Amino acid sequence: MAEKVPHSLCSEMEAIFEKVTTKRKLDAAGSKTRINTGVAFERWRQVRGQKGLKGDAMVAVYLLDR
């Protein structure tokens, strides 16, 4: 006969499962908009700092509008 798992352990396991599932969903959503700047990463950050842009999305818009 199977052993019963204590209720508190089940709750803990469910919480961990939910946390992992949420993280996977967020990672999947983020990877849809991720780009690889490769060797241009330092230049990307330099433009961001020089122009005082708040985020990477603003850098992208700035560069596309030029």
PDB file of N, CA and C in Angstrom:
ATOM      1  N   MET A   1       0.838  -1.177   0.000  1.00  0.00           N
ATOM      2  CA  MET A   1       0.000   0.000   0.000  1.00  0.00           C
ATOM      3  C   MET A   1       0.889   1.250   0.000  1.00  0.00           C
ATOM      4  N   ALA A   2       0.495   2.272  -0.729  1.00  0.00           N
ATOM      5  CA  ALA A   2       1.284   3.494  -0.838  1.00  0.00           C
ATOM      6  C   ALA A   2       1.224   4.286   0.459  1.00  0.00           C
ATOM      7  N   GLU A   3       2.356   4.898   0.773  1.00  0.00           N
ATOM      8  CA  GLU A   3       2.410   5.729   1.975  1.00  0.00           C
ATOM      9  C   GLU A   3       1.747   7.063   1.693  1.00  0.00           C
ATOM     10  N   LYS A   4       1.101   7.598   2.702  1.00  0.00           N
ATOM     11  CA  LYS A   4       0.485   8.911   2.554  1.00  0.00           C
ATOM     12  C   LYS A   4       1.528   9.985   2.844  1.00  0.00           C
ATOM     13  N   VAL A   5       1.519  11.011   2.015  1.00  0.00           N
ATOM     14  CA  VAL A   5       2.441  12.131   2.192  1.00  0.00           C
ATOM     15  C   VAL A   5       1.766  13.145   3.105  1.00  0.00           C
ATOM     16  N   PRO A   6       2.497  13.650   4.106  1.00  0.00           N
ATOM     17  CA  PRO A   6       1.907  14.655   4.998  1.00  0.00           C
ATOM     18  C   PRO A   6       1.392  15.857   4.206  1.00  0.00           C
ATOM     19  N   HIS A   7       0.281  16.421   4.664  1.00  0.00           N
ATOM     20  CA  HIS A   7      -0.369  17.534   3.969  1.00  0.00           C
ATOM     21  C   HIS A   7       0.581  18.717   3.769  1.00  0.00           C
ATOM     22  N   SER A   8       1.384  19.036   4.773  1.00  0.00           N
ATOM     23  CA  SER A   8       2.288  20.184   4.660  1.00  0.00           C
ATOM     24  C   SER A   8       3.322  19.959   3.562  1.00  0.00           C
ATOM     25  N   LEU A   9       3.761  18.717   3.389  1.00  0.00           N
ATOM     26  CA  LEU A   9       4.730  18.398   2.340  1.00  0.00           C
ATOM     27  C   LEU A   9       4.083  18.538   0.969  1.00  0.00           C
ATOM     28  N   CYS A  10       2.833  18.112   0.848  1.00  0.00           N
ATOM     29  CA  CYS A  10       2.102  18.260  -0.417  1.00  0.00           C
ATOM     30  C   CYS A  10       1.968  19.733  -0.786  1.00  0.00           C
ATOM     31  N   SER A  11       1.627  20.546   0.181  1.00  0.00           N
ATOM     32  CA  SER A  11       1.478  21.979  -0.065  1.00  0.00           C
ATOM     33  C   SER A  11       2.799  22.588  -0.511  1.00  0.00           C
ATOM     34  N   GLU A  12       3.877  22.169   0.128  1.00  0.00           N
ATOM     35  CA  GLU A  12       5.203  22.676  -0.222  1.00  0.00           C
ATOM     36  C   GLU A  12       5.581  22.257  -1.643  1.00  0.00           C
ATOM     37  N   MET A  13       5.296  21.004  -1.984  1.00  0.00           N
ATOM     38  CA  MET A  13       5.604  20.504  -3.327  1.00  0.00           C
ATOM     39  C   MET A  13       4.772  21.229  -4.383  1.00  0.00           C
ATOM     40  N   GLU A  14       3.513  21.503  -4.079  1.00  0.00           N
ATOM     41  CA  GLU A  14       2.647  22.237  -5.003  1.00  0.00           C
ATOM     42  C   GLU A  14       3.161  23.652  -5.213  1.00  0.00           C
ATOM     43  N   ALA A  15       3.625  24.290  -4.145  1.00  0.00           N
ATOM     44  CA  ALA A  15       4.154  25.647  -4.247  1.00  0.00           C
ATOM     45  C   ALA A  15       5.409  25.675  -5.115  1.00  0.00           C
ATOM     46  N   ILE A  16       6.280  24.699  -4.939  1.00  0.00           N
ATOM     47  CA  ILE A  16       7.503  24.615  -5.745  1.00  0.00           C
ATOM     48  C   ILE A  16       7.146  24.388  -7.206  1.00  0.00           C
ATOM     49  N   PHE A  17       6.211  23.477  -7.465  1.00  0.00           N
ATOM     50  CA  PHE A  17       5.782  23.192  -8.833  1.00  0.00           C
ATOM     51  C   PHE A  17       5.213  24.444  -9.493  1.00  0.00           C
ATOM     52  N   GLU A  18       4.387  25.179  -8.758  1.00  0.00           N
ATOM     53  CA  GLU A  18       3.781  26.403  -9.281  1.00  0.00           C
ATOM     54  C   GLU A  18       4.852  27.447  -9.596  1.00  0.00           C
ATOM     55  N   LYS A  19       5.842  27.562  -8.723  1.00  0.00           N
ATOM     56  CA  LYS A  19       6.931  28.519  -8.917  1.00  0.00           C
ATOM     57  C   LYS A  19       7.729  28.179 -10.181  1.00  0.00           C
ATOM     58  N   VAL A  20       8.045  26.904 -10.354  1.00  0.00           N
ATOM     59  CA  VAL A  20       8.803  26.454 -11.526  1.00  0.00           C
ATOM     60  C   VAL A  20       7.993  26.682 -12.799  1.00  0.00           C
ATOM     61  N   THR A  21       6.710  26.370 -12.744  1.00  0.00           N
ATOM     62  CA  THR A  21       5.839  26.552 -13.905  1.00  0.00           C
ATOM     63  C   THR A  21       5.754  28.026 -14.290  1.00  0.00           C
ATOM     64  N   THR A  22       5.606  28.894 -13.313  1.00  0.00           N
ATOM     65  CA  THR A  22       5.545  30.330 -13.568  1.00  0.00           C
ATOM     66  C   THR A  22       6.847  30.824 -14.182  1.00  0.00           C
ATOM     67  N   LYS A  23       7.976  30.369 -13.653  1.00  0.00           N
ATOM     68  CA  LYS A  23       9.279  30.775 -14.182  1.00  0.00           C
ATOM     69  C   LYS A  23       9.432  30.338 -15.633  1.00  0.00           C
ATOM     70  N   ARG A  24       9.017  29.131 -15.941  1.00  0.00           N
ATOM     71  CA  ARG A  24       9.106  28.633 -17.324  1.00  0.00           C
ATOM     72  C   ARG A  24       8.262  29.475 -18.270  1.00  0.00           C
ATOM     73  N   LYS A  25       7.069  29.863 -17.827  1.00  0.00           N
ATOM     74  CA  LYS A  25       6.197  30.695 -18.663  1.00  0.00           C
ATOM     75  C   LYS A  25       6.829  32.064 -18.905  1.00  0.00           C
ATOM     76  N   LEU A  26       7.400  32.651 -17.862  1.00  0.00           N
ATOM     77  CA  LEU A  26       8.043  33.956 -18.006  1.00  0.00           C
ATOM     78  C   LEU A  26       9.269  33.871 -18.905  1.00  0.00           C
ATOM     79  N   ASP A  27      10.057  32.812 -18.757  1.00  0.00           N
ATOM     80  CA  ASP A  27      11.230  32.611 -19.610  1.00  0.00           C
ATOM     81  C   ASP A  27      10.819  32.458 -21.070  1.00  0.00           C
ATOM     82  N   ALA A  28       9.754  31.722 -21.316  1.00  0.00           N
ATOM     83  CA  ALA A  28       9.274  31.515 -22.685  1.00  0.00           C
ATOM     84  C   ALA A  28       8.795  32.831 -23.290  1.00  0.00           C
ATOM     85  N   ALA A  29       8.094  33.630 -22.493  1.00  0.00           N
ATOM     86  CA  ALA A  29       7.608  34.920 -22.983  1.00  0.00           C
ATOM     87  C   ALA A  29       8.775  35.855 -23.278  1.00  0.00           C
ATOM     88  N   GLY A  30       9.780  35.852 -22.419  1.00  0.00           N
ATOM     89  CA  GLY A  30      10.946  36.709 -22.619  1.00  0.00           C
ATOM     90  C   GLY A  30      11.772  36.306 -23.813  1.00  0.00           C
ATOM     91  N   SER A  31      11.852  35.027 -24.089  1.00  0.00           N
ATOM     92  CA  SER A  31      12.678  34.565 -25.200  1.00  0.00           C
ATOM     93  C   SER A  31      12.075  34.934 -26.552  1.00  0.00           C
ATOM     94  N   LYS A  32      10.803  35.262 -26.587  1.00  0.00           N
ATOM     95  CA  LYS A  32      10.168  35.675 -27.841  1.00  0.00           C
ATOM     96  C   LYS A  32      10.639  37.059 -28.278  1.00  0.00           C
ATOM     97  N   THR A  33      11.101  37.875 -27.347  1.00  0.00           N
ATOM     98  CA  THR A  33      11.533  39.231 -27.680  1.00  0.00           C
ATOM     99  C   THR A  33      13.039  39.415 -27.523  1.00  0.00           C
ATOM    100  N   ARG A  34      13.749  38.366 -27.210  1.00  0.00           N
ATOM    101  CA  ARG A  34      15.190  38.443 -26.959  1.00  0.00           C
ATOM    102  C   ARG A  34      15.955  38.469 -28.278  1.00  0.00           C
ATOM    103  N   ILE A  35      16.986  39.315 -28.329  1.00  0.00           N
ATOM    104  CA  ILE A  35      17.878  39.338 -29.486  1.00  0.00           C
ATOM    105  C   ILE A  35      19.304  39.154 -28.999  1.00  0.00           C
ATOM    106  N   ASN A  36      20.177  38.712 -29.883  1.00  0.00           N
ATOM    107  CA  ASN A  36      21.580  38.530 -29.544  1.00  0.00           C
ATOM    108  C   ASN A  36      22.374  39.652 -30.204  1.00  0.00           C
ATOM    109  N   THR A  37      22.923  40.542 -29.398  1.00  0.00           N
ATOM    110  CA  THR A  37      23.702  41.649 -29.946  1.00  0.00           C
ATOM    111  C   THR A  37      25.142  41.239 -30.205  1.00  0.00           C
ATOM    112  N   GLY A  38      25.530  40.069 -29.689  1.00  0.00           N
ATOM    113  CA  GLY A  38      26.866  39.528 -29.955  1.00  0.00           C
ATOM    114  C   GLY A  38      27.975  40.488 -29.584  1.00  0.00           C
ATOM    115  N   VAL A  39      28.880  40.729 -30.539  1.00  0.00           N
ATOM    116  CA  VAL A  39      30.049  41.571 -30.279  1.00  0.00           C
ATOM    117  C   VAL A  39      29.667  43.042 -30.138  1.00  0.00           C
ATOM    118  N   ALA A  40      28.443  43.416 -30.524  1.00  0.00           N
ATOM    119  CA  ALA A  40      28.007  44.813 -30.446  1.00  0.00           C
ATOM    120  C   ALA A  40      27.455  45.174 -29.066  1.00  0.00           C
ATOM    121  N   PHE A  41      27.504  44.259 -28.119  1.00  0.00           N
ATOM    122  CA  PHE A  41      26.914  44.498 -26.800  1.00  0.00           C
ATOM    123  C   PHE A  41      27.495  45.741 -26.129  1.00  0.00           C
ATOM    124  N   GLU A  42      28.810  45.867 -26.141  1.00  0.00           N
ATOM    125  CA  GLU A  42      29.445  47.028 -25.496  1.00  0.00           C
ATOM    126  C   GLU A  42      29.022  48.324 -26.173  1.00  0.00           C
ATOM    127  N   ARG A  43      28.933  48.320 -27.488  1.00  0.00           N
ATOM    128  CA  ARG A  43      28.502  49.517 -28.220  1.00  0.00           C
ATOM    129  C   ARG A  43      27.050  49.844 -27.899  1.00  0.00           C
ATOM    130  N   TRP A  44      26.227  48.804 -27.775  1.00  0.00           N
ATOM    131  CA  TRP A  44      24.812  48.976 -27.425  1.00  0.00           C
ATOM    132  C   TRP A  44      24.699  49.699 -26.086  1.00  0.00           C
ATOM    133  N   ARG A  45      25.454  49.224 -25.105  1.00  0.00           N
ATOM    134  CA  ARG A  45      25.433  49.852 -23.776  1.00  0.00           C
ATOM    135  C   ARG A  45      25.987  51.278 -23.829  1.00  0.00           C
ATOM    136  N   GLN A  46      26.961  51.496 -24.657  1.00  0.00           N
ATOM    137  CA  GLN A  46      27.563  52.822 -24.802  1.00  0.00           C
ATOM    138  C   GLN A  46      26.523  53.806 -25.353  1.00  0.00           C
ATOM    139  N   VAL A  47      25.803  53.406 -26.393  1.00  0.00           N
ATOM    140  CA  VAL A  47      24.751  54.260 -26.962  1.00  0.00           C
ATOM    141  C   VAL A  47      23.687  54.536 -25.908  1.00  0.00           C
ATOM    142  N   ARG A  48      23.320  53.507 -25.181  1.00  0.00           N
ATOM    143  CA  ARG A  48      22.305  53.658 -24.138  1.00  0.00           C
ATOM    144  C   ARG A  48      22.733  54.707 -23.114  1.00  0.00           C
ATOM    145  N   GLY A  49      23.980  54.640 -22.682  1.00  0.00           N
ATOM    146  CA  GLY A  49      24.483  55.596 -21.705  1.00  0.00           C
ATOM    147  C   GLY A  49      24.642  56.997 -22.268  1.00  0.00           C
ATOM    148  N   GLN A  50      25.195  57.113 -23.460  1.00  0.00           N
ATOM    149  CA  GLN A  50      25.434  58.422 -24.077  1.00  0.00           C
ATOM    150  C   GLN A  50      24.141  59.181 -24.339  1.00  0.00           C
ATOM    151  N   LYS A  51      23.121  58.478 -24.757  1.00  0.00           N
ATOM    152  CA  LYS A  51      21.851  59.129 -25.092  1.00  0.00           C
ATOM    153  C   LYS A  51      20.912  59.211 -23.895  1.00  0.00           C
ATOM    154  N   GLY A  52      21.308  58.629 -22.775  1.00  0.00           N
ATOM    155  CA  GLY A  52      20.488  58.686 -21.567  1.00  0.00           C
ATOM    156  C   GLY A  52      19.175  57.918 -21.693  1.00  0.00           C
ATOM    157  N   LEU A  53      19.212  56.831 -22.449  1.00  0.00           N
ATOM    158  CA  LEU A  53      18.008  56.034 -22.661  1.00  0.00           C
ATOM    159  C   LEU A  53      17.791  55.098 -21.479  1.00  0.00           C
ATOM    160  N   LYS A  54      16.541  54.947 -21.083  1.00  0.00           N
ATOM    161  CA  LYS A  54      16.217  54.204 -19.861  1.00  0.00           C
ATOM    162  C   LYS A  54      16.290  52.689 -20.009  1.00  0.00           C
ATOM    163  N   GLY A  55      16.031  52.170 -21.188  1.00  0.00           N
ATOM    164  CA  GLY A  55      16.018  50.716 -21.339  1.00  0.00           C
ATOM    165  C   GLY A  55      16.414  50.288 -22.733  1.00  0.00           C
ATOM    166  N   ASP A  56      16.564  48.987 -22.893  1.00  0.00           N
ATOM    167  CA  ASP A  56      16.973  48.439 -24.182  1.00  0.00           C
ATOM    168  C   ASP A  56      15.932  48.684 -25.264  1.00  0.00           C
ATOM    169  N   ALA A  57      14.662  48.697 -24.892  1.00  0.00           N
ATOM    170  CA  ALA A  57      13.611  48.970 -25.875  1.00  0.00           C
ATOM    171  C   ALA A  57      13.761  50.383 -26.427  1.00  0.00           C
ATOM    172  N   MET A  58      14.144  51.314 -25.567  1.00  0.00           N
ATOM    173  CA  MET A  58      14.342  52.694 -26.018  1.00  0.00           C
ATOM    174  C   MET A  58      15.539  52.797 -26.955  1.00  0.00           C
ATOM    175  N   VAL A  59      16.589  52.025 -26.700  1.00  0.00           N
ATOM    176  CA  VAL A  59      17.759  52.005 -27.586  1.00  0.00           C
ATOM    177  C   VAL A  59      17.336  51.483 -28.953  1.00  0.00           C
ATOM    178  N   ALA A  60      16.561  50.428 -28.974  1.00  0.00           N
ATOM    179  CA  ALA A  60      16.100  49.843 -30.234  1.00  0.00           C
ATOM    180  C   ALA A  60      15.281  50.851 -31.032  1.00  0.00           C
ATOM    181  N   VAL A  61      14.365  51.541 -30.384  1.00  0.00           N
ATOM    182  CA  VAL A  61      13.538  52.543 -31.066  1.00  0.00           C
ATOM    183  C   VAL A  61      14.420  53.669 -31.593  1.00  0.00           C
ATOM    184  N   TYR A  62      15.340  54.130 -30.768  1.00  0.00           N
ATOM    185  CA  TYR A  62      16.259  55.197 -31.184  1.00  0.00           C
ATOM    186  C   TYR A  62      17.029  54.785 -32.442  1.00  0.00           C
ATOM    187  N   LEU A  63      17.595  53.592 -32.440  1.00  0.00           N
ATOM    188  CA  LEU A  63      18.397  53.135 -33.576  1.00  0.00           C
ATOM    189  C   LEU A  63      17.541  52.904 -34.819  1.00  0.00           C
ATOM    190  N   LEU A  64      16.342  52.406 -34.649  1.00  0.00           N
ATOM    191  CA  LEU A  64      15.459  52.178 -35.797  1.00  0.00           C
ATOM    192  C   LEU A  64      14.971  53.488 -36.411  1.00  0.00           C
ATOM    193  N   ASP A  65      14.796  54.507 -35.592  1.00  0.00           N
ATOM    194  CA  ASP A  65      14.287  55.796 -36.077  1.00  0.00           C
ATOM    195  C   ASP A  65      15.363  56.680 -36.694  1.00  0.00           C
ATOM    196  N   ARG A  66      16.599  56.291 -36.601  1.00  0.00           N
ATOM    197  CA  ARG A  66      17.693  57.107 -37.148  1.00  0.00           C
ATOM    198  C   ARG A  66      17.729  57.048 -38.635  1.00  0.00           C
TER     199      ARG A  66
END
